Amino acid sequence: MSEQPENLAVSDSDAQPPDPIEDGLDWYPLRDSSEDPRWAVRTVWTWVGMAIFLLLSIITLLILGLWFD
């Protein structure tokens, strides 16, 4: 049986390098949300509106299918 030391010291060479994602959290986001391009905001709201409309349409069809079945 091999004996292993109970206290393993971590040397500087074993230390993890700093994470660039955590370093970038101080300066991200680059601008306020009020400065976002209008076309991007309109695109997101269009897709959200379409998703809600389609979800309500599917629910309506399911309810009507149960009602008239």
Protein backbone atom coordinates (compact mmCIF):
# COMPACT_ATOMS: atom_id res chain seq x y z
CA MET A 1 0.00 0.00 0.00
CA SER A 2 1.24 3.45 -0.81
CA GLU A 3 1.05 6.20 1.68
CA GLN A 4 -0.36 9.51 0.52
CA PRO A 5 0.23 12.75 2.37
CA GLU A 6 -2.90 14.19 3.94
CA ASN A 7 -2.06 17.81 3.28
CA LEU A 8 -1.34 18.48 -0.37
CA ALA A 9 -0.03 21.98 -0.94
CA VAL A 10 -1.00 23.67 -4.17
CA SER A 11 1.97 25.22 -5.86
CA ASP A 12 1.80 28.36 -7.99
CA SER A 13 2.29 26.33 -11.15
CA ASP A 14 -0.86 24.29 -10.37
CA ALA A 15 -3.02 27.36 -9.85
CA GLN A 16 -5.72 28.05 -12.44
CA PRO A 17 -5.20 31.04 -14.73
CA PRO A 18 -7.68 33.89 -14.27
CA ASP A 19 -10.95 33.42 -16.10
CA PRO A 20 -11.40 36.05 -18.86
CA ILE A 21 -15.19 35.82 -18.52
CA GLU A 22 -15.09 36.81 -14.86
CA ASP A 23 -12.70 39.64 -15.67
CA GLY A 24 -15.11 41.01 -18.29
CA LEU A 25 -18.08 41.21 -15.94
CA ASP A 26 -16.93 44.62 -14.70
CA TRP A 27 -17.32 46.33 -18.09
CA TYR A 28 -20.11 44.26 -19.68
CA PRO A 29 -22.72 45.33 -20.97
CA LEU A 30 -21.05 47.90 -23.15
CA ARG A 31 -24.06 50.24 -23.35
CA ASP A 32 -27.39 50.89 -21.66
CA SER A 33 -30.44 49.05 -22.91
CA SER A 34 -31.94 52.40 -23.98
CA GLU A 35 -29.14 52.69 -26.56
CA ASP A 36 -29.92 49.36 -28.27
CA PRO A 37 -30.71 49.58 -31.99
CA ARG A 38 -34.44 49.95 -32.63
CA TRP A 39 -34.44 47.26 -35.33
CA ALA A 40 -33.09 44.71 -32.84
CA VAL A 41 -35.72 45.56 -30.24
CA ARG A 42 -38.48 45.42 -32.89
CA THR A 43 -37.19 42.05 -34.10
CA VAL A 44 -37.30 40.57 -30.61
CA TRP A 45 -40.80 41.94 -29.94
CA THR A 46 -41.99 40.62 -33.31
CA TRP A 47 -40.77 37.11 -32.50
CA VAL A 48 -42.25 37.27 -29.00
CA GLY A 49 -45.58 38.41 -30.45
CA MET A 50 -45.56 35.63 -33.02
CA ALA A 51 -44.73 33.03 -30.38
CA ILE A 52 -47.58 34.21 -28.13
CA PHE A 53 -50.02 34.27 -31.07
CA LEU A 54 -49.06 30.76 -32.16
CA LEU A 55 -49.24 29.42 -28.62
CA LEU A 56 -52.72 30.90 -28.15
CA SER A 57 -53.80 29.49 -31.53
CA ILE A 58 -52.66 26.00 -30.59
CA ILE A 59 -54.41 26.21 -27.21
CA THR A 60 -57.59 27.45 -28.95
CA LEU A 61 -57.48 24.58 -31.43
CA LEU A 62 -57.00 22.06 -28.61
CA ILE A 63 -59.96 23.47 -26.68
CA LEU A 64 -62.15 23.54 -29.80
CA GLY A 65 -61.07 19.99 -30.62
CA LEU A 66 -62.16 18.82 -27.20
CA TRP A 67 -65.41 20.79 -27.43
CA PHE A 68 -66.52 19.51 -30.85
CA ASP A 69 -65.11 15.99 -30.59
